[in-house]
Protein backbone atom coordinates (compact mmCIF):
# COMPACT_ATOMS: atom_id res chain seq x y z
CA UNK A 1 83.18 100.05 88.62
CA UNK A 2 84.17 98.63 92.04
CA UNK A 3 86.01 101.31 94.03
CA UNK A 4 88.87 98.84 94.56
CA UNK A 5 89.31 98.01 90.85
CA UNK A 6 90.71 100.59 88.43
CA UNK A 7 91.34 100.48 84.68
CA UNK A 8 92.55 103.70 83.11
CA UNK A 9 95.35 105.64 81.44
CA UNK A 10 97.67 107.53 83.75
CA UNK A 11 99.98 110.20 82.29
CA UNK A 12 102.52 112.17 84.30
CA UNK A 13 103.70 115.74 83.77
CA UNK A 14 106.33 117.81 85.51
CA UNK A 15 105.91 121.49 86.34
CA UNK A 16 107.31 124.26 88.49
CA UNK A 17 105.30 126.09 91.14
CA UNK A 18 105.02 129.08 88.81
CA UNK A 19 103.64 126.88 86.03
CA UNK A 20 101.22 125.33 88.52
CA UNK A 21 99.80 128.72 89.51
CA UNK A 22 99.35 129.74 85.87
CA UNK A 23 97.87 126.33 85.03
CA UNK A 24 95.33 126.46 87.85
CA UNK A 25 94.28 129.96 86.81
CA UNK A 26 93.48 128.60 83.35
CA UNK A 27 91.59 125.46 84.38
CA UNK A 28 90.00 126.49 87.68
CA UNK A 29 86.55 126.92 86.14
CA UNK A 30 86.70 123.45 84.58
CA UNK A 31 87.46 121.40 87.69
CA UNK A 32 86.06 120.67 91.14
CA UNK A 33 87.73 119.03 94.17
CA UNK A 34 87.78 115.24 94.20
CA UNK A 35 85.89 113.33 96.90
CA UNK A 36 89.22 113.23 98.79
CA UNK A 37 90.76 116.54 97.69
CA UNK A 38 93.67 116.72 100.14
CA UNK A 39 95.65 113.72 101.35
CA UNK A 40 99.02 112.53 102.53
CA UNK A 41 99.76 109.37 100.58
CA UNK A 42 102.07 106.75 102.11
CA UNK A 43 103.07 103.84 99.86
CA UNK A 44 105.18 100.94 101.08
CA UNK A 45 106.66 99.22 98.01
CA UNK A 46 107.36 95.50 98.15
CA UNK A 47 110.23 93.81 96.35
CA UNK A 48 112.78 91.02 96.52
CA UNK A 49 116.28 91.29 98.02
CA UNK A 50 117.74 92.13 94.62
CA UNK A 51 114.79 94.38 93.64
CA UNK A 52 113.67 92.24 90.72
CA UNK A 53 110.19 93.80 90.56
CA UNK A 54 111.39 97.37 90.04
CA UNK A 55 114.24 96.24 87.78
CA UNK A 56 111.74 94.43 85.58
CA UNK A 57 109.54 97.52 85.56
CA UNK A 58 112.42 99.80 84.53
CA UNK A 59 113.56 97.43 81.76
CA UNK A 60 110.09 96.57 80.46
CA UNK A 61 108.59 98.17 77.37
CA UNK A 62 104.94 97.07 77.38
CA UNK A 63 104.39 95.55 80.84
CA UNK A 64 105.11 96.81 84.35
CA UNK A 65 104.00 95.54 87.74
CA UNK A 66 104.23 96.79 91.32
CA UNK A 67 103.12 95.48 94.71
CA UNK A 68 102.54 97.91 97.56
CA UNK A 69 100.72 98.77 100.76
CA UNK A 70 99.07 102.19 100.89
CA UNK A 71 97.82 104.30 103.78
CA UNK A 72 96.63 107.88 104.02
CA UNK A 73 98.63 109.49 106.77
CA UNK A 74 100.46 107.44 109.38
CA UNK A 75 99.03 103.95 109.81
CA UNK A 76 97.63 102.47 113.01
CA UNK A 77 97.61 98.79 113.92
CA UNK A 78 93.83 98.55 113.59
CA UNK A 79 93.58 101.30 110.94
CA UNK A 80 92.58 100.76 107.33
CA UNK A 81 95.27 100.36 104.66
CA UNK A 82 95.16 98.98 101.11
CA UNK A 83 97.14 96.09 99.72
CA UNK A 84 97.55 96.76 96.00
CA UNK A 85 98.75 95.14 92.84
CA UNK A 86 99.28 97.57 89.98
CA UNK A 87 99.97 96.52 86.40
CA UNK A 88 100.57 98.57 83.27
CA UNK A 89 100.03 96.88 79.93
CA UNK A 90 100.31 98.72 76.61
CA UNK A 91 99.77 102.05 78.35
CA UNK A 92 96.68 101.00 80.33
CA UNK A 93 96.93 100.84 84.13
CA UNK A 94 95.09 98.06 85.97
CA UNK A 95 95.01 98.49 89.73
CA UNK A 96 93.36 96.10 92.16
CA UNK A 97 93.37 96.61 95.90
CA UNK A 98 91.94 95.12 99.06
CA UNK A 99 91.30 96.96 102.36
CA UNK A 100 92.88 95.36 105.44
CA UNK A 101 94.20 96.59 108.78
CA UNK A 102 97.86 97.47 109.07
CA UNK A 103 98.39 94.63 111.54
CA UNK A 104 96.79 92.14 109.13
CA UNK A 105 99.14 93.33 106.40
CA UNK A 106 102.18 92.90 108.66
CA UNK A 107 101.02 89.42 109.68
CA UNK A 108 100.78 88.54 106.02
CA UNK A 109 104.26 89.86 105.17
CA UNK A 110 105.91 88.25 108.19
CA UNK A 111 103.96 85.02 108.66
CA UNK A 112 102.14 84.61 105.33
CA UNK A 113 98.83 84.75 107.17
CA UNK A 114 96.25 85.79 104.56
CA UNK A 115 93.85 88.43 105.93
CA UNK A 116 91.00 87.11 103.76
CA UNK A 117 90.22 84.79 100.85
CA UNK A 118 88.93 87.34 98.35
CA UNK A 119 89.83 87.08 94.67
CA UNK A 120 92.03 90.18 94.80
CA UNK A 121 93.88 88.86 97.85
CA UNK A 122 94.52 85.62 96.01
CA UNK A 123 95.91 87.54 93.03
CA UNK A 124 98.27 89.48 95.30
CA UNK A 125 99.33 86.30 97.04
CA UNK A 126 99.98 84.61 93.69
CA UNK A 127 102.27 87.46 92.64
CA UNK A 128 104.06 87.43 95.99
CA UNK A 129 104.72 83.70 95.69
CA UNK A 130 105.74 84.01 92.05
CA UNK A 131 108.54 86.48 92.86
CA UNK A 132 109.45 84.77 96.12
CA UNK A 133 110.90 86.38 99.27
CA UNK A 134 109.03 89.64 98.70
CA UNK A 135 109.17 92.11 101.59
CA UNK A 136 108.80 95.84 102.33
CA UNK A 137 111.58 97.73 100.54
CA UNK A 138 110.89 101.47 100.20
CA UNK A 139 108.40 103.84 101.86
CA UNK A 140 107.34 106.81 99.72
CA UNK A 141 105.29 109.71 101.13
CA UNK A 142 103.87 112.79 99.41
CA UNK A 143 101.18 115.44 99.71
CA UNK A 144 98.43 115.24 97.10
CA UNK A 145 95.76 117.60 95.81
CA UNK A 146 93.08 115.93 93.68
CA UNK A 147 90.47 117.32 91.28
CA UNK A 148 88.01 115.98 88.72
CA UNK A 149 86.59 117.44 85.53
CA UNK A 150 83.39 119.32 86.42
CA UNK A 151 81.61 117.79 83.40
CA UNK A 152 83.32 114.38 83.32
CA UNK A 153 84.32 112.84 86.70
CA UNK A 154 86.20 110.08 84.86
CA UNK A 155 88.91 112.69 84.27
CA UNK A 156 90.96 113.01 87.47
CA UNK A 157 93.91 115.36 87.94
CA UNK A 158 96.31 115.06 90.89
CA UNK A 159 99.25 117.17 92.02
CA UNK A 160 101.98 115.62 94.18
CA UNK A 161 104.43 117.75 96.18
CA UNK A 162 106.92 117.25 99.01
CA UNK A 163 107.80 113.76 97.75
CA UNK A 164 109.98 112.03 100.33
CA UNK A 165 111.12 108.49 101.08
CA UNK A 166 112.71 106.13 103.57
CA UNK A 167 114.69 102.98 102.84
CA UNK A 168 115.71 102.05 106.39
CA UNK A 169 112.84 102.65 108.81
CA UNK A 170 109.77 101.30 107.01
CA UNK A 171 107.31 101.34 109.91
CA UNK A 172 104.23 103.12 108.49
CA UNK A 173 103.01 103.97 111.99
CA UNK A 174 105.78 106.47 112.54
CA UNK A 175 105.97 110.13 111.55
CA UNK A 176 105.75 110.76 107.83
CA UNK A 177 109.31 112.04 107.47
CA UNK A 178 111.91 111.12 104.88
CA UNK A 179 114.57 112.27 102.44
CA UNK A 180 113.39 114.59 99.69
CA UNK A 181 113.20 113.01 96.24
CA UNK A 182 112.71 116.20 94.21
CA UNK A 183 113.48 119.85 94.85
CA UNK A 184 110.74 121.90 96.49
CA UNK A 185 109.91 123.78 93.28
CA UNK A 186 108.94 120.59 91.44
CA UNK A 187 105.32 119.42 91.19
CA UNK A 188 104.29 116.12 89.66
CA UNK A 189 100.89 116.11 87.95
CA UNK A 190 99.01 112.99 86.88
CA UNK A 191 96.05 112.91 84.54
CA UNK A 192 93.98 109.77 85.01
CA UNK A 193 91.40 109.12 82.30
CA UNK A 194 89.59 106.45 80.24
CA UNK A 195 91.91 107.29 77.35
CA UNK A 196 91.16 110.83 76.23
CA UNK A 197 92.18 114.29 77.43
CA UNK A 198 89.67 117.18 77.16
CA UNK A 199 90.62 119.93 74.72
CA UNK A 200 90.62 122.57 77.47
CA UNK A 201 93.16 120.53 79.45
CA UNK A 202 95.40 119.73 76.48
CA UNK A 203 95.27 123.38 75.40
CA UNK A 204 96.30 124.69 78.82
CA UNK A 205 99.23 122.27 79.02
CA UNK A 206 100.38 123.16 75.52
CA UNK A 207 100.18 126.90 76.12
CA UNK A 208 102.24 126.66 79.32
CA UNK A 209 104.65 124.10 77.83
CA UNK A 210 103.84 121.46 80.43
CA UNK A 211 105.39 118.26 79.09
CA UNK A 212 104.99 114.55 79.70
CA UNK A 213 107.41 113.17 82.29
CA UNK A 214 108.55 109.56 82.23
CA UNK A 215 108.99 109.40 85.96
CA UNK A 216 108.62 106.61 88.51
CA UNK A 217 108.99 107.52 92.18
CA UNK A 218 110.16 104.05 93.21
CA UNK A 219 112.21 103.63 90.03
CA UNK A 220 114.09 106.89 90.67
CA UNK A 221 114.74 105.96 94.31
CA UNK A 222 116.07 102.56 93.22
CA UNK A 223 118.41 104.08 90.64
CA UNK A 224 119.72 106.60 93.19
CA UNK A 225 120.17 104.01 95.97
CA UNK A 226 120.86 100.79 94.08
CA UNK A 227 123.75 99.59 96.20
CA UNK A 228 121.94 100.16 99.48
CA UNK A 229 118.69 98.53 98.32
CA UNK A 230 120.39 95.39 96.98
CA UNK A 231 123.00 94.88 99.73
């Protein structure tokens, strides 16, 4: 599959640092580091003045959609970032992204100057026009560790810590600072797969009582800062 097109199930789980240590001890022999094992993920979420995209996502049952710009570490004007459209339909996540420079992305947001005419760019542009008046709204930053199943690289496991955000200064070129979203003991794990979870992974989670977490980073920030984001 194209490295900029993803179709998979993504399930989130919450755990403490103590659970994480015990969990890693149980699964360490089953996993290997991902191609990009350590990263600082910066995601600039796009929305309308009244946050209709995230409100629709929170209220929806079977369909959710998000538009965002993602960089790894602080962005640079001529550095690579990814414009993304992410949809979730009946539990399956469909993500499509296009690499552009940060300056190209800003030119598009501010002047509607398309950086290219690719199919994915056209899909993003269609969604932007459909919602109307979409602009940068929230910047979310976190530290990520990523692993894959040693026997099945389609199984990817990520751990997000130090989740922080900004709602005022959204310049991705600046330092990756922000307000903390979760306490420092909380770790968010995601299991990304074609639709199945290996028995060794399910068994380790069950034994340590690691439970599914219905958690959206942007959704939680919106609910905690609704008045500020829609003013």
